[in-house]
Amino acid sequence: MILEELSKRIAIKVKKYDPEGPGSLEVLSYGIGLKLNLFTGILLTVLFGLLFSSVLHSLLALVSFMILRKFSGGYHLPITICSFATGLTASLVPLVRLDQEGTILLTALSLLIALFFAPNNYEELYNVEFDSWSKGISVLIILSNLYFQSTIVAVAFLIQSLLLLPVYPRKGGVNL
């Protein structure tokens, strides 16, 4: 994949000029890959948002998705695919039209999924210090949309919540 290869090349260059620097090549490459994923996801969200004439709404969808994901975890695609899928999805979310009942229904569905499955760290690479609080924070984040009643936020939360379901392959091939 493109971003994975780029992050590996950057990590090799960094290690070449600072061989005693902190972290192994793999850890450095992974960290760089995460940053590339973030920046590419934002850039693609803006570009696709321009294409669909909804940049600000696309960014709202992206930020909503990212905030919930920070605390709820969920399945993660390979970096290059993830960046493209995230940018495209965030820019398509504003095109969804729902009435107030639909917005409440999607928010409630997201809430139920989070109550049962958050937090869900598929990669098991890190444990958040406040992992015991993650479910509660995720639930509060979702509940906030009952106040805001944003269709964009409801759809973004539902997409993120679906990534919590234990139907995706885990690293190592073991599902829950």
C-alpha atoms as a PDB file:
ATOM      1  CA  MET A   1       0.000   0.000   0.000  1.00  0.00           C
ATOM      2  CA  ILE A   2       1.120   3.518  -0.727  1.00  0.00           C
ATOM      3  CA  LEU A   3       1.008   5.165   2.713  1.00  0.00           C
ATOM      4  CA  GLU A   4       2.450   2.107   4.460  1.00  0.00           C
ATOM      5  CA  GLU A   5       5.396   2.108   2.066  1.00  0.00           C
ATOM      6  CA  LEU A   6       5.874   5.862   2.444  1.00  0.00           C
ATOM      7  CA  SER A   7       5.846   5.637   6.250  1.00  0.00           C
ATOM      8  CA  LYS A   8       8.398   2.823   6.118  1.00  0.00           C
ATOM      9  CA  ARG A   9      10.690   4.837   3.822  1.00  0.00           C
ATOM     10  CA  ILE A  10      10.448   7.901   6.058  1.00  0.00           C
ATOM     11  CA  ALA A  11      11.195   5.757   9.128  1.00  0.00           C
ATOM     12  CA  ILE A  12      14.252   4.254   7.417  1.00  0.00           C
ATOM     13  CA  LYS A  13      15.555   7.753   6.607  1.00  0.00           C
ATOM     14  CA  VAL A  14      14.967   8.919  10.186  1.00  0.00           C
ATOM     15  CA  LYS A  15      16.773   5.855  11.577  1.00  0.00           C
ATOM     16  CA  LYS A  16      19.625   6.397   9.121  1.00  0.00           C
ATOM     17  CA  TYR A  17      20.252   9.907  10.475  1.00  0.00           C
ATOM     18  CA  ASP A  18      19.437   9.047  14.106  1.00  0.00           C
ATOM     19  CA  PRO A  19      20.143   5.339  14.677  1.00  0.00           C
ATOM     20  CA  GLU A  20      20.117   5.752  18.465  1.00  0.00           C
ATOM     21  CA  GLY A  21      16.776   7.572  18.422  1.00  0.00           C
ATOM     22  CA  PRO A  22      13.881   6.229  20.456  1.00  0.00           C
ATOM     23  CA  GLY A  23      11.854   3.293  19.198  1.00  0.00           C
ATOM     24  CA  SER A  24      12.436   0.538  16.708  1.00  0.00           C
ATOM     25  CA  LEU A  25      12.003   0.936  12.968  1.00  0.00           C
ATOM     26  CA  GLU A  26       8.611  -0.792  13.188  1.00  0.00           C
ATOM     27  CA  VAL A  27       7.345   1.485  15.956  1.00  0.00           C
ATOM     28  CA  LEU A  28       8.570   4.589  14.129  1.00  0.00           C
ATOM     29  CA  SER A  29       7.021   3.412  10.856  1.00  0.00           C
ATOM     30  CA  TYR A  30       3.698   2.721  12.605  1.00  0.00           C
ATOM     31  CA  GLY A  31       3.659   6.163  14.254  1.00  0.00           C
ATOM     32  CA  ILE A  32       4.465   7.903  10.979  1.00  0.00           C
ATOM     33  CA  GLY A  33       1.756   5.827   9.292  1.00  0.00           C
ATOM     34  CA  LEU A  34      -0.806   7.034  11.826  1.00  0.00           C
ATOM     35  CA  LYS A  35       0.115  10.664  11.135  1.00  0.00           C
ATOM     36  CA  LEU A  36      -0.013  10.111   7.366  1.00  0.00           C
ATOM     37  CA  ASN A  37      -3.420   8.462   7.798  1.00  0.00           C
ATOM     38  CA  LEU A  38      -4.708  11.473   9.738  1.00  0.00           C
ATOM     39  CA  PHE A  39      -3.381  14.093   7.324  1.00  0.00           C
ATOM     40  CA  THR A  40      -4.424  12.166   4.220  1.00  0.00           C
ATOM     41  CA  GLY A  41      -7.890  11.518   5.670  1.00  0.00           C
ATOM     42  CA  ILE A  42      -8.372  15.226   6.361  1.00  0.00           C
ATOM     43  CA  LEU A  43      -7.052  16.211   2.926  1.00  0.00           C
ATOM     44  CA  LEU A  44      -9.297  13.705   1.138  1.00  0.00           C
ATOM     45  CA  THR A  45     -12.296  14.786   3.222  1.00  0.00           C
ATOM     46  CA  VAL A  46     -11.725  18.383   2.119  1.00  0.00           C
ATOM     47  CA  LEU A  47     -11.186  17.402  -1.530  1.00  0.00           C
ATOM     48  CA  PHE A  48     -14.227  15.120  -1.670  1.00  0.00           C
ATOM     49  CA  GLY A  49     -16.171  17.738   0.307  1.00  0.00           C
ATOM     50  CA  LEU A  50     -15.346  20.284  -2.401  1.00  0.00           C
ATOM     51  CA  LEU A  51     -16.508  17.810  -5.028  1.00  0.00           C
ATOM     52  CA  PHE A  52     -19.836  17.334  -3.235  1.00  0.00           C
ATOM     53  CA  SER A  53     -20.101  21.026  -2.192  1.00  0.00           C
ATOM     54  CA  SER A  54     -20.116  20.277   1.514  1.00  0.00           C
ATOM     55  CA  VAL A  55     -16.634  20.858   2.972  1.00  0.00           C
ATOM     56  CA  LEU A  56     -17.702  22.103   6.421  1.00  0.00           C
ATOM     57  CA  HIS A  57     -20.350  19.418   6.815  1.00  0.00           C
ATOM     58  CA  SER A  58     -17.840  16.793   5.671  1.00  0.00           C
ATOM     59  CA  LEU A  59     -15.374  18.018   8.286  1.00  0.00           C
ATOM     60  CA  LEU A  60     -18.131  17.862  10.924  1.00  0.00           C
ATOM     61  CA  ALA A  61     -18.736  14.223   9.976  1.00  0.00           C
ATOM     62  CA  LEU A  62     -15.004  13.485  10.143  1.00  0.00           C
ATOM     63  CA  VAL A  63     -14.525  15.159  13.528  1.00  0.00           C
ATOM     64  CA  SER A  64     -17.620  13.430  14.957  1.00  0.00           C
ATOM     65  CA  PHE A  65     -16.342  10.070  13.747  1.00  0.00           C
ATOM     66  CA  MET A  66     -12.833  10.696  15.096  1.00  0.00           C
ATOM     67  CA  ILE A  67     -13.945  11.897  18.530  1.00  0.00           C
ATOM     68  CA  LEU A  68     -16.145   8.862  19.086  1.00  0.00           C
ATOM     69  CA  ARG A  69     -13.482   6.531  17.683  1.00  0.00           C
ATOM     70  CA  LYS A  70     -10.869   7.888  20.107  1.00  0.00           C
ATOM     71  CA  PHE A  71     -12.836   6.486  23.032  1.00  0.00           C
ATOM     72  CA  SER A  72     -14.773   3.586  21.516  1.00  0.00           C
ATOM     73  CA  GLY A  73     -12.062   1.962  19.390  1.00  0.00           C
ATOM     74  CA  GLY A  74     -13.136  -0.281  16.542  1.00  0.00           C
ATOM     75  CA  TYR A  75     -11.962  -2.096  13.445  1.00  0.00           C
ATOM     76  CA  HIS A  76      -9.196  -0.394  11.493  1.00  0.00           C
ATOM     77  CA  LEU A  77      -8.507  -0.844   7.795  1.00  0.00           C
ATOM     78  CA  PRO A  78      -4.967  -0.760   6.377  1.00  0.00           C
ATOM     79  CA  ILE A  79      -3.714   2.850   6.394  1.00  0.00           C
ATOM     80  CA  THR A  80      -4.037   3.662   2.684  1.00  0.00           C
ATOM     81  CA  ILE A  81      -7.503   2.128   2.368  1.00  0.00           C
ATOM     82  CA  CYS A  82      -8.560   3.707   5.670  1.00  0.00           C
ATOM     83  CA  SER A  83      -7.556   7.202   4.533  1.00  0.00           C
ATOM     84  CA  PHE A  84      -9.460   6.895   1.270  1.00  0.00           C
ATOM     85  CA  ALA A  85     -12.536   5.262   2.842  1.00  0.00           C
ATOM     86  CA  THR A  86     -12.634   7.807   5.669  1.00  0.00           C
ATOM     87  CA  GLY A  87     -12.321  10.810   3.354  1.00  0.00           C
ATOM     88  CA  LEU A  88     -14.950   9.517   0.946  1.00  0.00           C
ATOM     89  CA  THR A  89     -17.368   8.421   3.663  1.00  0.00           C
ATOM     90  CA  ALA A  90     -17.050  11.687   5.615  1.00  0.00           C
ATOM     91  CA  SER A  91     -17.874  13.629   2.469  1.00  0.00           C
ATOM     92  CA  LEU A  92     -20.870  11.413   1.619  1.00  0.00           C
ATOM     93  CA  VAL A  93     -22.417  11.594   5.113  1.00  0.00           C
ATOM     94  CA  PRO A  94     -23.767  15.156   4.595  1.00  0.00           C
ATOM     95  CA  LEU A  95     -25.738  13.909   1.594  1.00  0.00           C
ATOM     96  CA  VAL A  96     -27.915  11.727   3.867  1.00  0.00           C
ATOM     97  CA  ARG A  97     -31.268  13.339   4.641  1.00  0.00           C
ATOM     98  CA  LEU A  98     -33.223  12.325   7.741  1.00  0.00           C
ATOM     99  CA  ASP A  99     -36.075  13.830   9.684  1.00  0.00           C
ATOM    100  CA  GLN A 100     -35.876  14.336  13.452  1.00  0.00           C
ATOM    101  CA  GLU A 101     -37.193  10.841  14.174  1.00  0.00           C
ATOM    102  CA  GLY A 102     -34.586   9.273  11.886  1.00  0.00           C
ATOM    103  CA  THR A 103     -31.817  11.243  13.569  1.00  0.00           C
ATOM    104  CA  ILE A 104     -32.994  10.112  17.008  1.00  0.00           C
ATOM    105  CA  LEU A 105     -33.301   6.508  15.792  1.00  0.00           C
ATOM    106  CA  LEU A 106     -29.734   6.433  14.416  1.00  0.00           C
ATOM    107  CA  THR A 107     -28.425   8.052  17.591  1.00  0.00           C
ATOM    108  CA  ALA A 108     -30.265   5.467  19.728  1.00  0.00           C
ATOM    109  CA  LEU A 109     -28.929   2.605  17.595  1.00  0.00           C
ATOM    110  CA  SER A 110     -25.380   3.951  17.967  1.00  0.00           C
ATOM    111  CA  LEU A 111     -25.952   4.224  21.702  1.00  0.00           C
ATOM    112  CA  LEU A 112     -27.065   0.583  21.975  1.00  0.00           C
ATOM    113  CA  ILE A 113     -24.081  -0.657  19.991  1.00  0.00           C
ATOM    114  CA  ALA A 114     -21.684   1.391  22.136  1.00  0.00           C
ATOM    115  CA  LEU A 115     -23.303   0.149  25.348  1.00  0.00           C
ATOM    116  CA  PHE A 116     -22.688  -3.461  24.343  1.00  0.00           C
ATOM    117  CA  PHE A 117     -19.408  -3.293  22.421  1.00  0.00           C
ATOM    118  CA  ALA A 118     -17.366  -0.213  23.385  1.00  0.00           C
ATOM    119  CA  PRO A 119     -14.487  -0.021  23.906  1.00  0.00           C
ATOM    120  CA  ASN A 120     -13.246  -2.453  21.289  1.00  0.00           C
ATOM    121  CA  ASN A 121      -9.562  -2.299  20.396  1.00  0.00           C
ATOM    122  CA  TYR A 122      -9.112  -4.633  17.447  1.00  0.00           C
ATOM    123  CA  GLU A 123      -5.392  -4.096  17.142  1.00  0.00           C
ATOM    124  CA  GLU A 124      -4.567  -4.440  20.854  1.00  0.00           C
ATOM    125  CA  LEU A 125      -1.586  -2.138  20.259  1.00  0.00           C
ATOM    126  CA  TYR A 126      -2.374   0.302  22.985  1.00  0.00           C
ATOM    127  CA  ASN A 127      -4.491   0.511  26.057  1.00  0.00           C
ATOM    128  CA  VAL A 128      -5.842   3.876  26.977  1.00  0.00           C
ATOM    129  CA  GLU A 129      -5.085   4.680  30.626  1.00  0.00           C
ATOM    130  CA  PHE A 130      -8.739   5.481  31.197  1.00  0.00           C
ATOM    131  CA  ASP A 131      -9.965   2.372  29.388  1.00  0.00           C
ATOM    132  CA  SER A 132     -12.459   1.743  32.166  1.00  0.00           C
ATOM    133  CA  TRP A 133     -13.964   5.156  31.386  1.00  0.00           C
ATOM    134  CA  SER A 134     -14.015   4.674  27.610  1.00  0.00           C
ATOM    135  CA  LYS A 135     -17.482   3.122  27.431  1.00  0.00           C
ATOM    136  CA  GLY A 136     -18.995   5.885  29.575  1.00  0.00           C
ATOM    137  CA  ILE A 137     -17.277   8.615  27.580  1.00  0.00           C
ATOM    138  CA  SER A 138     -18.409   6.995  24.310  1.00  0.00           C
ATOM    139  CA  VAL A 139     -21.987   6.828  25.573  1.00  0.00           C
ATOM    140  CA  LEU A 140     -21.910  10.481  26.693  1.00  0.00           C
ATOM    141  CA  ILE A 141     -20.529  11.553  23.317  1.00  0.00           C
ATOM    142  CA  ILE A 142     -23.364   9.757  21.535  1.00  0.00           C
ATOM    143  CA  LEU A 143     -25.967  11.082  23.987  1.00  0.00           C
ATOM    144  CA  SER A 144     -24.828  14.633  23.183  1.00  0.00           C
ATOM    145  CA  ASN A 145     -26.457  14.251  19.779  1.00  0.00           C
ATOM    146  CA  LEU A 146     -29.853  13.959  21.431  1.00  0.00           C
ATOM    147  CA  TYR A 147     -29.282  17.601  22.364  1.00  0.00           C
ATOM    148  CA  PHE A 148     -27.745  18.729  19.047  1.00  0.00           C
ATOM    149  CA  GLN A 149     -29.984  16.535  16.859  1.00  0.00           C
ATOM    150  CA  SER A 150     -27.573  16.619  13.932  1.00  0.00           C
ATOM    151  CA  THR A 151     -28.216  14.167  11.122  1.00  0.00           C
ATOM    152  CA  ILE A 152     -24.557  14.402  10.092  1.00  0.00           C
ATOM    153  CA  VAL A 153     -23.377  13.538  13.597  1.00  0.00           C
ATOM    154  CA  ALA A 154     -25.951  10.718  13.922  1.00  0.00           C
ATOM    155  CA  VAL A 155     -24.799   9.082  10.673  1.00  0.00           C
ATOM    156  CA  ALA A 156     -21.103   9.502  11.564  1.00  0.00           C
ATOM    157  CA  PHE A 157     -21.721   7.979  15.008  1.00  0.00           C
ATOM    158  CA  LEU A 158     -23.597   5.045  13.477  1.00  0.00           C
ATOM    159  CA  ILE A 159     -20.785   4.336  11.004  1.00  0.00           C
ATOM    160  CA  GLN A 160     -18.242   4.393  13.830  1.00  0.00           C
ATOM    161  CA  SER A 161     -20.479   2.253  16.047  1.00  0.00           C
ATOM    162  CA  LEU A 162     -20.788  -0.382  13.326  1.00  0.00           C
ATOM    163  CA  LEU A 163     -16.990  -0.705  13.427  1.00  0.00           C
ATOM    164  CA  LEU A 164     -17.319  -1.854  17.053  1.00  0.00           C
ATOM    165  CA  LEU A 165     -19.284  -4.976  16.169  1.00  0.00           C
ATOM    166  CA  PRO A 166     -17.316  -8.210  16.647  1.00  0.00           C
ATOM    167  CA  VAL A 167     -17.719  -9.315  13.032  1.00  0.00           C
ATOM    168  CA  TYR A 168     -14.385  -8.081  11.678  1.00  0.00           C
ATOM    169  CA  PRO A 169     -11.187 -10.135  11.683  1.00  0.00           C
ATOM    170  CA  ARG A 170      -8.766  -9.342  14.490  1.00  0.00           C
ATOM    171  CA  LYS A 171      -5.012  -9.111  14.095  1.00  0.00           C
ATOM    172  CA  GLY A 172      -3.897 -12.732  14.211  1.00  0.00           C
ATOM    173  CA  GLY A 173      -7.220 -13.930  12.760  1.00  0.00           C
ATOM    174  CA  VAL A 174      -9.094 -14.462  16.026  1.00  0.00           C
ATOM    175  CA  ASN A 175     -12.586 -12.996  16.437  1.00  0.00           C
ATOM    176  CA  LEU A 176     -14.443 -12.517  19.680  1.00  0.00           C
END
